[in-house]
Amino acid sequence: MFHEGELAVQRRAGVIDDAAPLARMLDTPDLSGGFARFLADRTFVVITARDRAGRLWASPIFQAPGFVHARGQSVSVEAVPGPGDPLADLPAGQPVGLLAIDFAIRRRVRVNGTLVSTSSASLEIAVDQAFGNCPKYIQARLLQPVPRMVRAGEATRSPTIEAAHRDLIEASDTFILGTVHPARGVDSSHRGGPPGFVRATGSQLWWPDYEGNNMFNSLGNLLVDPEAALLFLDFHGGMTLHLSGTARLDWIAPGAPGDDGGTGRRVQFETAAVISGPTLGLEAVDVVPSPHNPPLR
């Protein structure tokens, strides 16, 4: 069933009846069959979790196919965030959200649960929720491994967004949003749009919310708990940009400047900590924009 934050956003958006049949997607899943096959073929996942200081981050993991295994209500990831990543050496016994995404075919699966064990090379997640999302706003690109780009351990920490960070953000057509709920745990969600859909001013970012599946998992979480983590990726140079802070949902007049999707909703993010790098060993030279991307207003 939906939690109080999700229901509140659905009610305000006028879609609570449309969303009600989707609540069964949040039941504890059986990860055999299609889920297991999809996860086994993945090369790219993002995990949202807390570091040892308790700060929320979203971090990428990129490996050859076969590093993610699903069985029953458990998912094993035979890889971990590397040195220099904010979630390197992340502690077990905490809620986590895993996003597995195939950009090339515009398909994604969210896996939420508890990180029950970790090692220097693997993660084990007891799954509470696993569900797919529609292909809207995913830019089609084929990720290719480029080992020479990996510079493990090279990371720069900053209390705020710098000029190079802003350039990456404003050129991005994709980012990952990590959110939390005190009872439901942690979630990782894809966000996409035309380059420039995320606006940056000083330490603040904002982006318009587009029409989706009406579940409002991320926005519902933010209504209850403002903690949030963002991950931006430079698909040409391999740089990673991690932001941790707080976010809120704003309701504005539909069609107002910046309301690209015409929903009357946008999210404001306040940056508290920034980590740029280390670079990830992947690139995607070509991109096919999603046909659902709305124009910038």
Protein backbone atom coordinates (compact mmCIF):
# COMPACT_ATOMS: atom_id res chain seq x y z
CA MET A 1 0.00 0.00 0.00
CA PHE A 2 1.06 3.62 -0.46
CA HIS A 3 2.41 5.56 2.51
CA GLU A 4 1.09 8.89 3.76
CA GLY A 5 3.40 11.05 1.65
CA GLU A 6 2.60 9.27 -1.61
CA LEU A 7 -1.12 9.49 -0.90
CA ALA A 8 -0.89 13.20 -0.10
CA VAL A 9 0.84 14.01 -3.41
CA GLN A 10 -1.58 11.78 -5.36
CA ARG A 11 -4.50 13.56 -3.72
CA ARG A 12 -3.13 17.04 -4.47
CA ALA A 13 -2.41 16.02 -8.08
CA GLY A 14 -5.93 14.63 -8.49
CA VAL A 15 -4.80 11.10 -9.43
CA ILE A 16 -5.44 9.11 -6.26
CA ASP A 17 -8.06 6.89 -7.94
CA ASP A 18 -5.81 6.29 -10.96
CA ALA A 19 -2.89 5.35 -8.70
CA ALA A 20 -4.81 3.00 -6.39
CA PRO A 21 -4.55 -0.10 -8.65
CA LEU A 22 -0.76 0.34 -8.74
CA ALA A 23 -0.36 -0.14 -4.97
CA ARG A 24 0.06 -3.91 -5.42
CA MET A 25 3.36 -3.20 -7.20
CA LEU A 26 4.79 -2.28 -3.78
CA ASP A 27 4.11 -5.71 -2.26
CA THR A 28 7.10 -7.90 -1.39
CA PRO A 29 8.10 -9.47 -4.72
CA ASP A 30 9.31 -12.83 -5.94
CA LEU A 31 12.46 -12.01 -7.88
CA SER A 32 12.48 -15.17 -9.95
CA GLY A 33 11.71 -15.08 -13.65
CA GLY A 34 11.80 -11.75 -15.48
CA PHE A 35 13.27 -9.69 -12.64
CA ALA A 36 16.16 -12.11 -12.19
CA ARG A 37 16.92 -12.23 -15.92
CA PHE A 38 16.86 -8.48 -16.27
CA LEU A 39 19.15 -7.93 -13.28
CA ALA A 40 21.57 -10.63 -14.42
CA ASP A 41 22.13 -8.83 -17.73
CA ARG A 42 22.87 -5.45 -16.22
CA THR A 43 26.16 -3.58 -16.36
CA PHE A 44 25.07 -0.47 -14.47
CA VAL A 45 23.28 0.06 -11.14
CA VAL A 46 23.02 2.91 -8.67
CA ILE A 47 22.74 2.42 -4.92
CA THR A 48 21.41 5.02 -2.49
CA ALA A 49 22.49 4.59 1.12
CA ARG A 50 24.12 6.37 4.05
CA ASP A 51 27.85 6.65 4.64
CA ARG A 52 29.36 5.92 8.04
CA ALA A 53 28.62 9.49 9.13
CA GLY A 54 24.93 9.04 8.30
CA ARG A 55 24.84 11.24 5.19
CA LEU A 56 22.74 10.09 2.23
CA TRP A 57 24.46 9.54 -1.15
CA ALA A 58 23.71 7.90 -4.49
CA SER A 59 26.60 6.01 -6.11
CA PRO A 60 27.08 4.13 -9.40
CA ILE A 61 28.45 0.62 -9.87
CA PHE A 62 29.48 -0.45 -13.37
CA GLN A 63 30.65 -4.00 -14.12
CA ALA A 64 30.45 -6.72 -16.77
CA PRO A 65 27.07 -8.50 -17.03
CA GLY A 66 26.46 -11.13 -14.36
CA PHE A 67 27.43 -9.14 -11.27
CA VAL A 68 23.84 -8.79 -10.02
CA HIS A 69 22.00 -11.95 -8.90
CA ALA A 70 18.38 -12.21 -7.70
CA ARG A 71 16.74 -15.13 -5.95
CA GLY A 72 13.56 -15.19 -3.88
CA GLN A 73 13.56 -11.95 -1.90
CA SER A 74 17.31 -11.39 -2.07
CA VAL A 75 19.67 -9.56 -4.41
CA SER A 76 23.46 -10.00 -4.43
CA VAL A 77 25.72 -7.42 -6.04
CA GLU A 78 29.20 -8.77 -6.73
CA ALA A 79 30.79 -5.32 -6.71
CA VAL A 80 30.96 -2.29 -4.41
CA PRO A 81 31.47 1.47 -4.76
CA GLY A 82 35.18 2.04 -5.24
CA PRO A 83 37.81 4.05 -3.35
CA GLY A 84 37.02 7.74 -3.29
CA ASP A 85 33.29 7.14 -3.72
CA PRO A 86 31.18 8.55 -0.85
CA LEU A 87 29.69 5.08 -0.28
CA ALA A 88 32.99 3.23 -0.24
CA ASP A 89 32.98 0.99 2.84
CA LEU A 90 29.25 1.57 3.39
CA PRO A 91 27.90 -0.05 6.58
CA ALA A 92 25.48 -2.98 6.58
CA GLY A 93 22.25 -3.05 8.54
CA GLN A 94 20.66 -0.07 6.81
CA PRO A 95 17.90 0.56 4.25
CA VAL A 96 19.12 0.97 0.66
CA GLY A 97 17.60 1.63 -2.74
CA LEU A 98 19.04 0.01 -5.87
CA LEU A 99 18.24 1.19 -9.39
CA ALA A 100 19.12 -1.12 -12.29
CA ILE A 101 18.80 0.56 -15.67
CA ASP A 102 19.39 -0.35 -19.29
CA PHE A 103 19.62 2.96 -21.09
CA ALA A 104 19.84 1.30 -24.51
CA ILE A 105 16.36 -0.22 -24.31
CA ARG A 106 14.92 2.34 -21.88
CA ARG A 107 14.08 -0.12 -19.12
CA ARG A 108 14.59 0.23 -15.37
CA VAL A 109 13.85 -1.66 -12.15
CA ARG A 110 13.90 -0.29 -8.62
CA VAL A 111 14.86 -2.61 -5.76
CA ASN A 112 14.37 -1.37 -2.19
CA GLY A 113 15.29 -3.24 0.97
CA THR A 114 17.87 -3.72 3.70
CA LEU A 115 21.61 -4.11 3.20
CA VAL A 116 22.09 -7.20 5.35
CA SER A 117 25.79 -7.82 4.69
CA THR A 118 28.79 -6.33 2.94
CA SER A 119 32.32 -7.36 2.10
CA SER A 120 35.19 -5.78 0.23
CA ALA A 121 33.69 -7.09 -3.03
CA SER A 122 29.95 -7.66 -2.58
CA LEU A 123 26.63 -6.48 -1.16
CA GLU A 124 23.62 -8.55 -0.06
CA ILE A 125 20.17 -6.95 -0.01
CA ALA A 126 16.99 -8.37 1.57
CA VAL A 127 14.31 -7.00 -0.74
CA ASP A 128 11.06 -5.38 0.40
CA GLN A 129 9.99 -3.88 -2.93
CA ALA A 130 10.96 -4.40 -6.58
CA PHE A 131 9.08 -2.89 -9.49
CA GLY A 132 9.63 -1.59 -12.98
CA ASN A 133 8.94 1.89 -14.31
CA CYS A 134 7.81 3.18 -17.67
CA PRO A 135 10.45 4.11 -20.29
CA LYS A 136 9.52 7.80 -20.36
CA TYR A 137 12.33 10.36 -20.23
CA ILE A 138 15.16 7.80 -20.52
CA GLN A 139 17.67 8.94 -23.14
CA ALA A 140 18.80 5.90 -25.13
CA ARG A 141 22.56 5.39 -24.97
CA LEU A 142 24.86 2.39 -25.02
CA LEU A 143 27.36 2.38 -22.16
CA GLN A 144 30.79 1.09 -23.10
CA PRO A 145 33.58 0.18 -20.67
CA VAL A 146 36.68 2.36 -20.96
CA PRO A 147 39.19 1.11 -18.36
CA ARG A 148 41.69 3.86 -19.08
CA MET A 149 39.21 6.41 -17.69
CA VAL A 150 39.18 4.90 -14.20
CA ARG A 151 41.18 6.88 -11.67
CA ALA A 152 40.16 5.23 -8.43
CA GLY A 153 40.48 7.33 -5.31
CA GLU A 154 40.61 10.71 -7.03
CA ALA A 155 37.73 12.60 -5.46
CA THR A 156 37.23 16.23 -4.53
CA ARG A 157 34.99 17.26 -1.65
CA SER A 158 33.31 20.64 -1.52
CA PRO A 159 30.65 22.25 0.69
CA THR A 160 28.94 23.81 -2.32
CA ILE A 161 28.53 23.64 -6.09
CA GLU A 162 31.44 25.06 -8.07
CA ALA A 163 31.53 26.34 -11.65
CA ALA A 164 32.63 23.00 -13.16
CA HIS A 165 29.88 21.20 -11.26
CA ARG A 166 27.29 23.67 -12.53
CA ASP A 167 28.43 23.17 -16.11
CA LEU A 168 27.95 19.41 -15.78
CA ILE A 169 24.53 19.78 -14.14
CA GLU A 170 23.20 22.22 -16.72
CA ALA A 171 24.40 20.03 -19.60
CA SER A 172 22.89 16.85 -18.15
CA ASP A 173 19.89 15.04 -19.58
CA THR A 174 19.87 12.44 -16.79
CA PHE A 175 20.39 12.18 -13.04
CA ILE A 176 19.50 9.81 -10.20
CA LEU A 177 17.47 10.97 -7.21
CA GLY A 178 17.80 9.18 -3.87
CA THR A 179 15.13 9.69 -1.18
CA VAL A 180 14.12 8.16 2.14
CA HIS A 181 11.05 7.39 4.23
CA PRO A 182 11.37 6.60 7.95
CA ALA A 183 9.33 3.39 7.68
CA ARG A 184 9.56 2.41 4.00
CA GLY A 185 13.30 2.88 3.64
CA VAL A 186 15.39 4.22 0.77
CA ASP A 187 14.64 4.63 -2.93
CA SER A 188 16.68 5.39 -6.07
CA SER A 189 14.84 6.93 -9.00
CA HIS A 190 15.83 8.00 -12.53
CA ARG A 191 15.11 11.53 -13.71
CA GLY A 192 15.54 12.58 -17.35
CA GLY A 193 14.75 15.42 -19.70
CA PRO A 194 16.35 17.66 -22.30
CA PRO A 195 19.75 19.17 -21.43
CA GLY A 196 19.09 22.16 -19.21
CA PHE A 197 16.03 20.73 -17.45
CA VAL A 198 17.93 20.96 -14.16
CA ARG A 199 18.57 24.59 -13.24
CA ALA A 200 21.39 25.61 -10.89
CA THR A 201 21.79 28.86 -8.94
CA GLY A 202 24.44 28.97 -6.25
CA SER A 203 24.00 25.96 -3.98
CA GLN A 204 20.40 25.43 -5.10
CA LEU A 205 19.04 23.29 -7.93
CA TRP A 206 15.52 22.88 -9.20
CA TRP A 207 13.84 20.81 -11.86
CA PRO A 208 10.26 20.43 -13.12
CA ASP A 209 8.32 17.26 -12.37
CA TYR A 210 6.94 15.49 -15.43
CA GLU A 211 3.91 13.26 -15.84
CA GLY A 212 4.70 9.69 -14.83
CA ASN A 213 3.05 6.63 -13.36
CA ASN A 214 1.16 8.60 -10.64
CA MET A 215 2.77 6.60 -7.81
CA PHE A 216 4.91 9.55 -6.63
CA ASN A 217 7.34 7.40 -4.66
CA SER A 218 10.12 10.02 -4.63
CA LEU A 219 7.91 13.06 -4.11
CA GLY A 220 5.97 11.24 -1.41
CA ASN A 221 9.19 10.46 0.41
CA LEU A 222 10.29 14.10 0.22
CA LEU A 223 6.98 15.22 1.69
CA VAL A 224 7.76 13.15 4.80
CA ASP A 225 11.57 13.43 4.93
CA PRO A 226 13.49 16.12 2.99
CA GLU A 227 16.81 14.25 2.86
CA ALA A 228 17.92 13.66 -0.71
CA ALA A 229 20.94 12.61 -2.77
CA LEU A 230 21.62 13.37 -6.43
CA LEU A 231 24.02 11.65 -8.85
CA PHE A 232 25.03 13.25 -12.15
CA LEU A 233 27.19 11.41 -14.70
CA ASP A 234 29.29 12.75 -17.53
CA PHE A 235 28.68 10.06 -20.14
CA HIS A 236 31.45 11.45 -22.34
CA GLY A 237 34.24 12.03 -19.83
CA GLY A 238 33.16 9.60 -17.12
CA MET A 239 33.09 12.07 -14.22
CA THR A 240 30.68 11.44 -11.37
CA LEU A 241 29.10 14.23 -9.35
CA HIS A 242 27.48 13.35 -6.04
CA LEU A 243 25.32 15.86 -4.15
CA SER A 244 23.80 15.38 -0.71
CA GLY A 245 21.31 17.74 0.89
CA THR A 246 17.60 18.38 1.27
CA ALA A 247 14.76 18.82 -1.20
CA ARG A 248 11.16 19.92 -1.21
CA LEU A 249 8.22 19.73 -3.57
CA ASP A 250 6.79 23.06 -4.70
CA TRP A 251 3.37 23.51 -6.31
CA ILE A 252 3.28 26.31 -8.87
CA ALA A 253 0.82 27.55 -11.48
CA PRO A 254 0.62 25.00 -14.32
CA GLY A 255 2.34 26.38 -17.40
CA ALA A 256 4.39 28.94 -15.44
CA PRO A 257 7.94 29.61 -16.68
CA GLY A 258 10.03 26.54 -15.97
CA ASP A 259 7.01 24.24 -15.69
CA ASP A 260 8.27 22.26 -18.67
CA GLY A 261 5.97 19.30 -18.12
CA GLY A 262 2.90 21.40 -17.39
CA THR A 263 2.23 19.60 -14.09
CA GLY A 264 2.50 22.58 -11.76
CA ARG A 265 5.13 20.73 -9.74
CA ARG A 266 8.85 21.25 -9.30
CA VAL A 267 11.52 20.16 -6.83
CA GLN A 268 13.93 22.51 -5.08
CA PHE A 269 17.21 21.02 -3.82
CA GLU A 270 19.60 22.64 -1.34
CA THR A 271 23.15 21.30 -1.49
CA ALA A 272 24.92 20.47 1.77
CA ALA A 273 27.90 18.43 0.49
CA VAL A 274 29.50 17.70 -2.88
CA ILE A 275 31.89 14.99 -4.05
CA SER A 276 33.15 15.03 -7.64
CA GLY A 277 34.90 11.97 -9.02
CA PRO A 278 36.35 9.46 -9.10
CA THR A 279 35.75 8.92 -12.79
CA LEU A 280 33.79 5.89 -13.88
CA GLY A 281 35.14 3.57 -16.57
CA LEU A 282 32.35 4.06 -19.10
CA GLU A 283 31.31 6.28 -21.92
CA ALA A 284 28.37 6.65 -24.32
CA VAL A 285 29.20 8.59 -27.45
CA ASP A 286 25.75 8.63 -29.06
CA VAL A 287 22.45 9.49 -27.44
CA VAL A 288 18.85 9.33 -28.70
CA PRO A 289 16.69 11.74 -26.66
CA SER A 290 13.45 10.42 -25.26
CA PRO A 291 10.49 11.31 -27.50
CA HIS A 292 8.62 12.25 -24.31
CA ASN A 293 11.02 15.05 -23.31
CA PRO A 294 9.05 18.30 -23.16
CA PRO A 295 10.64 21.53 -24.43
CA LEU A 296 12.14 23.91 -21.91
CA ARG A 297 9.87 26.80 -20.99
